[in-house]
Amino acid sequence: MREIFYLNTVRAWVITILDDASSPLHEIIDVGKIRSLAQQEDIGANIPWFRQLMGIPQLFAYLIQTDTWLRKYKVEIV
């Protein structure tokens, strides 16, 4: 059940980022595609076996970390 808690936590956080028009992440991702992934009801079925890398929850965590990094270091995408 920890996996489901983690999934729900990163899903809510990534939706918050997607809802923030000032997020620098908007310039480098397909917001509609990520929002579509976050809104899937059966997303829990996508949790990989044996903690394989880059399942949906890990993708969300990566996007959160990227958004945080872009904001913290005031990275400008040109």
Protein backbone atom coordinates (compact mmCIF):
# COMPACT_ATOMS: atom_id res chain seq x y z
CA MET A 1 0.00 0.00 0.00
CA ARG A 2 2.98 2.35 0.35
CA GLU A 3 3.23 2.38 -3.43
CA ILE A 4 -0.35 3.65 -3.74
CA PHE A 5 0.29 6.37 -1.12
CA TYR A 6 3.44 7.41 -2.99
CA LEU A 7 1.60 7.42 -6.30
CA ASN A 8 -1.23 9.57 -4.93
CA THR A 9 1.26 12.00 -3.38
CA VAL A 10 3.34 12.55 -6.51
CA ARG A 11 0.21 12.62 -8.68
CA ALA A 12 -1.32 15.44 -6.59
CA TRP A 13 1.97 17.34 -6.61
CA VAL A 14 2.45 17.07 -10.37
CA ILE A 15 -1.14 18.22 -10.96
CA THR A 16 -0.40 21.26 -8.79
CA ILE A 17 2.61 22.00 -11.00
CA LEU A 18 0.54 21.54 -14.17
CA ASP A 19 -2.07 23.96 -12.80
CA ASP A 20 0.60 26.61 -12.14
CA ALA A 21 0.94 28.61 -15.35
CA SER A 22 4.24 30.07 -14.12
CA SER A 23 5.93 26.66 -13.92
CA PRO A 24 9.01 26.57 -16.17
CA LEU A 25 8.23 22.93 -16.80
CA HIS A 26 5.43 23.99 -19.17
CA GLU A 27 8.04 24.99 -21.73
CA ILE A 28 9.58 21.52 -21.97
CA ILE A 29 6.77 19.00 -21.49
CA ASP A 30 3.48 18.15 -23.13
CA VAL A 31 1.22 19.39 -20.32
CA GLY A 32 -1.86 17.73 -21.81
CA LYS A 33 -0.16 14.33 -22.00
CA ILE A 34 1.13 14.48 -18.43
CA ARG A 35 -2.26 15.68 -17.17
CA SER A 36 -3.89 12.78 -19.03
CA LEU A 37 -1.53 10.31 -17.32
CA ALA A 38 -2.19 11.89 -13.92
CA GLN A 39 -5.96 11.66 -14.34
CA GLN A 40 -6.06 7.98 -15.28
CA GLU A 41 -8.15 5.97 -12.86
CA ASP A 42 -6.25 2.71 -13.33
CA ILE A 43 -2.82 4.25 -12.94
CA GLY A 44 -2.10 1.98 -9.97
CA ALA A 45 -1.95 -0.93 -12.39
CA ASN A 46 1.10 0.74 -13.94
CA ILE A 47 3.24 0.43 -10.82
CA PRO A 48 6.18 -1.66 -12.07
CA TRP A 49 7.15 -4.99 -10.54
CA PHE A 50 10.35 -5.13 -8.50
CA ARG A 51 10.65 -1.33 -8.38
CA GLN A 52 11.75 -0.97 -11.99
CA LEU A 53 12.82 2.53 -12.94
CA MET A 54 10.60 5.12 -14.58
CA GLY A 55 7.13 3.82 -14.05
CA ILE A 56 4.41 6.48 -13.93
CA PRO A 57 5.07 7.41 -10.25
CA GLN A 58 8.78 7.78 -10.97
CA LEU A 59 8.03 9.93 -14.02
CA PHE A 60 5.94 12.24 -11.82
CA ALA A 61 8.75 12.42 -9.23
CA TYR A 62 11.26 13.23 -11.98
CA LEU A 63 9.04 16.05 -13.25
CA ILE A 64 8.63 17.43 -9.71
CA GLN A 65 12.41 17.39 -9.22
CA THR A 66 12.97 19.07 -12.58
CA ASP A 67 10.43 21.79 -11.80
CA THR A 68 12.05 22.37 -8.40
CA TRP A 69 15.52 22.58 -9.95
CA LEU A 70 14.40 24.97 -12.70
CA ARG A 71 12.79 27.29 -10.14
CA LYS A 72 15.57 27.13 -7.53
CA TYR A 73 18.34 27.96 -9.95
CA LYS A 74 16.19 30.33 -12.05
CA VAL A 75 17.03 28.46 -15.24
CA GLU A 76 15.87 30.26 -18.35
CA ILE A 77 15.04 28.20 -21.41
CA VAL A 78 15.96 30.05 -24.58
